[in-house]
Amino acid sequence: MRDDENPQNLPFPPEAQSLLMRSAIAAALASKRLAEEKGVFRLTPSEWAELEASSRP
C-alpha cells in the first residue's frame, strides 16, 4: 500500500478527510451525469467536418 492510499498518512484531520472524500465523490458523480446528459463527442456533421478539416496537414 502506498502512503497516499493510507488515510492516516494524509495531512488533514479526519473531518476534513471526510469532507474531501465526499466532495471528490460528488464531483465525480456530477461529471458522470453531465457527460451522460450532454453526450461525449456528440458533434453535428458540420462540426465533425470542421474538426477533420482543421486536423489535416
PDB file of N, CA and C in Angstrom:
ATOM      1  N   MET A   1       0.847  -1.192   0.000  1.00  0.00           N
ATOM      2  CA  MET A   1       0.000   0.000   0.000  1.00  0.00           C
ATOM      3  C   MET A   1       0.885   1.246   0.000  1.00  0.00           C
ATOM      4  N   ARG A   2       0.540   2.189  -0.876  1.00  0.00           N
ATOM      5  CA  ARG A   2       1.293   3.440  -0.927  1.00  0.00           C
ATOM      6  C   ARG A   2       0.849   4.355   0.210  1.00  0.00           C
ATOM      7  N   ASP A   3       1.714   5.324   0.539  1.00  0.00           N
ATOM      8  CA  ASP A   3       1.390   6.263   1.623  1.00  0.00           C
ATOM      9  C   ASP A   3       0.099   7.028   1.359  1.00  0.00           C
ATOM     10  N   ASP A   4      -0.117   7.434   0.080  1.00  0.00           N
ATOM     11  CA  ASP A   4      -1.300   8.245  -0.206  1.00  0.00           C
ATOM     12  C   ASP A   4      -2.591   7.421  -0.193  1.00  0.00           C
ATOM     13  N   GLU A   5      -2.482   6.099  -0.097  1.00  0.00           N
ATOM     14  CA  GLU A   5      -3.672   5.261  -0.002  1.00  0.00           C
ATOM     15  C   GLU A   5      -4.064   5.006   1.455  1.00  0.00           C
ATOM     16  N   ASN A   6      -3.204   5.405   2.372  1.00  0.00           N
ATOM     17  CA  ASN A   6      -3.452   5.179   3.786  1.00  0.00           C
ATOM     18  C   ASN A   6      -3.966   6.479   4.409  1.00  0.00           C
ATOM     19  N   PRO A   7      -5.244   6.538   4.777  1.00  0.00           N
ATOM     20  CA  PRO A   7      -5.822   7.789   5.299  1.00  0.00           C
ATOM     21  C   PRO A   7      -5.072   8.371   6.492  1.00  0.00           C
ATOM     22  N   GLN A   8      -4.440   7.521   7.298  1.00  0.00           N
ATOM     23  CA  GLN A   8      -3.724   8.029   8.466  1.00  0.00           C
ATOM     24  C   GLN A   8      -2.517   8.879   8.060  1.00  0.00           C
ATOM     25  N   ASN A   9      -2.024   8.713   6.845  1.00  0.00           N
ATOM     26  CA  ASN A   9      -0.846   9.458   6.406  1.00  0.00           C
ATOM     27  C   ASN A   9      -1.193  10.796   5.752  1.00  0.00           C
ATOM     28  N   LEU A  10      -2.474  11.070   5.578  1.00  0.00           N
ATOM     29  CA  LEU A  10      -2.854  12.345   4.977  1.00  0.00           C
ATOM     30  C   LEU A  10      -2.709  13.464   6.009  1.00  0.00           C
ATOM     31  N   PRO A  11      -2.273  14.638   5.546  1.00  0.00           N
ATOM     32  CA  PRO A  11      -2.030  15.746   6.488  1.00  0.00           C
ATOM     33  C   PRO A  11      -3.286  16.533   6.862  1.00  0.00           C
ATOM     34  N   PHE A  12      -4.429  15.874   6.890  1.00  0.00           N
ATOM     35  CA  PHE A  12      -5.676  16.550   7.232  1.00  0.00           C
ATOM     36  C   PHE A  12      -6.328  15.842   8.416  1.00  0.00           C
ATOM     37  N   PRO A  13      -7.061  16.585   9.238  1.00  0.00           N
ATOM     38  CA  PRO A  13      -7.818  15.930  10.315  1.00  0.00           C
ATOM     39  C   PRO A  13      -8.935  15.070   9.707  1.00  0.00           C
ATOM     40  N   PRO A  14      -9.424  14.087  10.450  1.00  0.00           N
ATOM     41  CA  PRO A  14     -10.458  13.172   9.924  1.00  0.00           C
ATOM     42  C   PRO A  14     -11.684  13.880   9.359  1.00  0.00           C
ATOM     43  N   GLU A  15     -12.117  14.973   9.997  1.00  0.00           N
ATOM     44  CA  GLU A  15     -13.301  15.693   9.499  1.00  0.00           C
ATOM     45  C   GLU A  15     -13.038  16.238   8.101  1.00  0.00           C
ATOM     46  N   ALA A  16     -11.847  16.792   7.895  1.00  0.00           N
ATOM     47  CA  ALA A  16     -11.504  17.347   6.585  1.00  0.00           C
ATOM     48  C   ALA A  16     -11.355  16.234   5.553  1.00  0.00           C
ATOM     49  N   GLN A  17     -10.786  15.104   5.961  1.00  0.00           N
ATOM     50  CA  GLN A  17     -10.651  13.969   5.043  1.00  0.00           C
ATOM     51  C   GLN A  17     -12.024  13.520   4.559  1.00  0.00           C
ATOM     52  N   SER A  18     -12.967  13.444   5.490  1.00  0.00           N
ATOM     53  CA  SER A  18     -14.320  13.025   5.148  1.00  0.00           C
ATOM     54  C   SER A  18     -14.947  14.014   4.172  1.00  0.00           C
ATOM     55  N   LEU A  19     -14.777  15.298   4.433  1.00  0.00           N
ATOM     56  CA  LEU A  19     -15.324  16.332   3.565  1.00  0.00           C
ATOM     57  C   LEU A  19     -14.675  16.284   2.184  1.00  0.00           C
ATOM     58  N   LEU A  20     -13.354  16.086   2.148  1.00  0.00           N
ATOM     59  CA  LEU A  20     -12.648  15.983   0.868  1.00  0.00           C
ATOM     60  C   LEU A  20     -13.140  14.784   0.065  1.00  0.00           C
ATOM     61  N   MET A  21     -13.320  13.661   0.741  1.00  0.00           N
ATOM     62  CA  MET A  21     -13.794  12.460   0.046  1.00  0.00           C
ATOM     63  C   MET A  21     -15.208  12.665  -0.485  1.00  0.00           C
ATOM     64  N   ARG A  22     -16.066  13.254   0.335  1.00  0.00           N
ATOM     65  CA  ARG A  22     -17.446  13.481  -0.118  1.00  0.00           C
ATOM     66  C   ARG A  22     -17.490  14.444  -1.292  1.00  0.00           C
ATOM     67  N   SER A  23     -16.653  15.486  -1.259  1.00  0.00           N
ATOM     68  CA  SER A  23     -16.651  16.440  -2.369  1.00  0.00           C
ATOM     69  C   SER A  23     -16.071  15.804  -3.632  1.00  0.00           C
ATOM     70  N   ALA A  24     -15.063  14.936  -3.477  1.00  0.00           N
ATOM     71  CA  ALA A  24     -14.493  14.244  -4.639  1.00  0.00           C
ATOM     72  C   ALA A  24     -15.524  13.306  -5.267  1.00  0.00           C
ATOM     73  N   ILE A  25     -16.264  12.601  -4.424  1.00  0.00           N
ATOM     74  CA  ILE A  25     -17.303  11.693  -4.929  1.00  0.00           C
ATOM     75  C   ILE A  25     -18.410  12.487  -5.614  1.00  0.00           C
ATOM     76  N   ALA A  26     -18.825  13.591  -5.008  1.00  0.00           N
ATOM     77  CA  ALA A  26     -19.872  14.426  -5.601  1.00  0.00           C
ATOM     78  C   ALA A  26     -19.423  14.979  -6.950  1.00  0.00           C
ATOM     79  N   ALA A  27     -18.166  15.404  -7.040  1.00  0.00           N
ATOM     80  CA  ALA A  27     -17.642  15.931  -8.304  1.00  0.00           C
ATOM     81  C   ALA A  27     -17.610  14.844  -9.371  1.00  0.00           C
ATOM     82  N   ALA A  28     -17.206  13.646  -8.991  1.00  0.00           N
ATOM     83  CA  ALA A  28     -17.162  12.536  -9.950  1.00  0.00           C
ATOM     84  C   ALA A  28     -18.563  12.194 -10.449  1.00  0.00           C
ATOM     85  N   LEU A  29     -19.529  12.167  -9.530  1.00  0.00           N
ATOM     86  CA  LEU A  29     -20.905  11.863  -9.927  1.00  0.00           C
ATOM     87  C   LEU A  29     -21.473  12.957 -10.827  1.00  0.00           C
ATOM     88  N   ALA A  30     -21.196  14.208 -10.499  1.00  0.00           N
ATOM     89  CA  ALA A  30     -21.684  15.316 -11.317  1.00  0.00           C
ATOM     90  C   ALA A  30     -21.062  15.269 -12.708  1.00  0.00           C
ATOM     91  N   SER A  31     -19.782  14.958 -12.775  1.00  0.00           N
ATOM     92  CA  SER A  31     -19.089  14.857 -14.057  1.00  0.00           C
ATOM     93  C   SER A  31     -19.683  13.739 -14.908  1.00  0.00           C
ATOM     94  N   LYS A  32     -19.948  12.603 -14.278  1.00  0.00           N
ATOM     95  CA  LYS A  32     -20.529  11.455 -14.987  1.00  0.00           C
ATOM     96  C   LYS A  32     -21.922  11.808 -15.495  1.00  0.00           C
ATOM     97  N   ARG A  33     -22.723  12.439 -14.646  1.00  0.00           N
ATOM     98  CA  ARG A  33     -24.083  12.814 -15.033  1.00  0.00           C
ATOM     99  C   ARG A  33     -24.062  13.822 -16.182  1.00  0.00           C
ATOM    100  N   LEU A  34     -23.151  14.781 -16.110  1.00  0.00           N
ATOM    101  CA  LEU A  34     -23.043  15.781 -17.167  1.00  0.00           C
ATOM    102  C   LEU A  34     -22.643  15.128 -18.486  1.00  0.00           C
ATOM    103  N   ALA A  35     -21.695  14.203 -18.436  1.00  0.00           N
ATOM    104  CA  ALA A  35     -21.263  13.505 -19.650  1.00  0.00           C
ATOM    105  C   ALA A  35     -22.418  12.709 -20.246  1.00  0.00           C
ATOM    106  N   GLU A  36     -23.223  12.085 -19.388  1.00  0.00           N
ATOM    107  CA  GLU A  36     -24.364  11.306 -19.872  1.00  0.00           C
ATOM    108  C   GLU A  36     -25.434  12.213 -20.472  1.00  0.00           C
ATOM    109  N   GLU A  37     -25.667  13.369 -19.842  1.00  0.00           N
ATOM    110  CA  GLU A  37     -26.695  14.291 -20.329  1.00  0.00           C
ATOM    111  C   GLU A  37     -26.271  14.960 -21.629  1.00  0.00           C
ATOM    112  N   LYS A  38     -25.042  15.455 -21.647  1.00  0.00           N
ATOM    113  CA  LYS A  38     -24.580  16.218 -22.799  1.00  0.00           C
ATOM    114  C   LYS A  38     -24.059  15.317 -23.908  1.00  0.00           C
ATOM    115  N   GLY A  39     -23.607  14.140 -23.537  1.00  0.00           N
ATOM    116  CA  GLY A  39     -23.028  13.247 -24.531  1.00  0.00           C
ATOM    117  C   GLY A  39     -21.589  13.641 -24.788  1.00  0.00           C
ATOM    118  N   VAL A  40     -20.740  12.653 -24.802  1.00  0.00           N
ATOM    119  CA  VAL A  40     -19.334  12.920 -25.062  1.00  0.00           C
ATOM    120  C   VAL A  40     -19.118  12.805 -26.562  1.00  0.00           C
ATOM    121  N   PHE A  41     -18.489  13.799 -27.142  1.00  0.00           N
ATOM    122  CA  PHE A  41     -18.214  13.829 -28.583  1.00  0.00           C
ATOM    123  C   PHE A  41     -19.492  13.773 -29.410  1.00  0.00           C
ATOM    124  N   ARG A  42     -20.532  14.391 -28.937  1.00  0.00           N
ATOM    125  CA  ARG A  42     -21.760  14.446 -29.726  1.00  0.00           C
ATOM    126  C   ARG A  42     -21.717  15.727 -30.560  1.00  0.00           C
ATOM    127  N   LEU A  43     -21.087  15.626 -31.719  1.00  0.00           N
ATOM    128  CA  LEU A  43     -20.922  16.775 -32.597  1.00  0.00           C
ATOM    129  C   LEU A  43     -21.885  16.672 -33.773  1.00  0.00           C
ATOM    130  N   THR A  44     -22.260  17.828 -34.316  1.00  0.00           N
ATOM    131  CA  THR A  44     -23.081  17.841 -35.522  1.00  0.00           C
ATOM    132  C   THR A  44     -22.193  17.473 -36.708  1.00  0.00           C
ATOM    133  N   PRO A  45     -22.786  17.060 -37.829  1.00  0.00           N
ATOM    134  CA  PRO A  45     -21.976  16.724 -39.013  1.00  0.00           C
ATOM    135  C   PRO A  45     -21.075  17.875 -39.466  1.00  0.00           C
ATOM    136  N   SER A  46     -21.567  19.105 -39.386  1.00  0.00           N
ATOM    137  CA  SER A  46     -20.735  20.239 -39.798  1.00  0.00           C
ATOM    138  C   SER A  46     -19.576  20.454 -38.829  1.00  0.00           C
ATOM    139  N   GLU A  47     -19.807  20.203 -37.536  1.00  0.00           N
ATOM    140  CA  GLU A  47     -18.718  20.311 -36.558  1.00  0.00           C
ATOM    141  C   GLU A  47     -17.662  19.238 -36.798  1.00  0.00           C
ATOM    142  N   TRP A  48     -18.106  18.014 -37.145  1.00  0.00           N
ATOM    143  CA  TRP A  48     -17.149  16.942 -37.467  1.00  0.00           C
ATOM    144  C   TRP A  48     -16.316  17.341 -38.676  1.00  0.00           C
ATOM    145  N   ALA A  49     -16.977  17.868 -39.723  1.00  0.00           N
ATOM    146  CA  ALA A  49     -16.272  18.266 -40.945  1.00  0.00           C
ATOM    147  C   ALA A  49     -15.245  19.349 -40.641  1.00  0.00           C
ATOM    148  N   GLU A  50     -15.636  20.301 -39.814  1.00  0.00           N
ATOM    149  CA  GLU A  50     -14.723  21.382 -39.436  1.00  0.00           C
ATOM    150  C   GLU A  50     -13.534  20.834 -38.645  1.00  0.00           C
ATOM    151  N   LEU A  51     -13.798  19.910 -37.739  1.00  0.00           N
ATOM    152  CA  LEU A  51     -12.740  19.300 -36.942  1.00  0.00           C
ATOM    153  C   LEU A  51     -11.781  18.503 -37.828  1.00  0.00           C
ATOM    154  N   GLU A  52     -12.339  17.722 -38.753  1.00  0.00           N
ATOM    155  CA  GLU A  52     -11.499  16.934 -39.662  1.00  0.00           C
ATOM    156  C   GLU A  52     -10.661  17.840 -40.554  1.00  0.00           C
ATOM    157  N   ALA A  53     -11.259  18.912 -41.054  1.00  0.00           N
ATOM    158  CA  ALA A  53     -10.533  19.838 -41.928  1.00  0.00           C
ATOM    159  C   ALA A  53      -9.393  20.516 -41.174  1.00  0.00           C
ATOM    160  N   SER A  54      -9.626  20.858 -39.922  1.00  0.00           N
ATOM    161  CA  SER A  54      -8.594  21.558 -39.148  1.00  0.00           C
ATOM    162  C   SER A  54      -7.465  20.627 -38.726  1.00  0.00           C
ATOM    163  N   SER A  55      -7.715  19.312 -38.730  1.00  0.00           N
ATOM    164  CA  SER A  55      -6.673  18.379 -38.297  1.00  0.00           C
ATOM    165  C   SER A  55      -5.820  17.866 -39.454  1.00  0.00           C
ATOM    166  N   ARG A  56      -6.187  18.236 -40.679  1.00  0.00           N
ATOM    167  CA  ARG A  56      -5.376  17.813 -41.833  1.00  0.00           C
ATOM    168  C   ARG A  56      -4.171  18.729 -41.975  1.00  0.00           C
ATOM    169  N   PRO A  57      -3.033  18.143 -42.411  1.00  0.00           N
ATOM    170  CA  PRO A  57      -1.827  18.989 -42.586  1.00  0.00           C
ATOM    171  C   PRO A  57      -1.966  19.969 -43.740  1.00  0.00           C
TER     172      PRO A  57
END
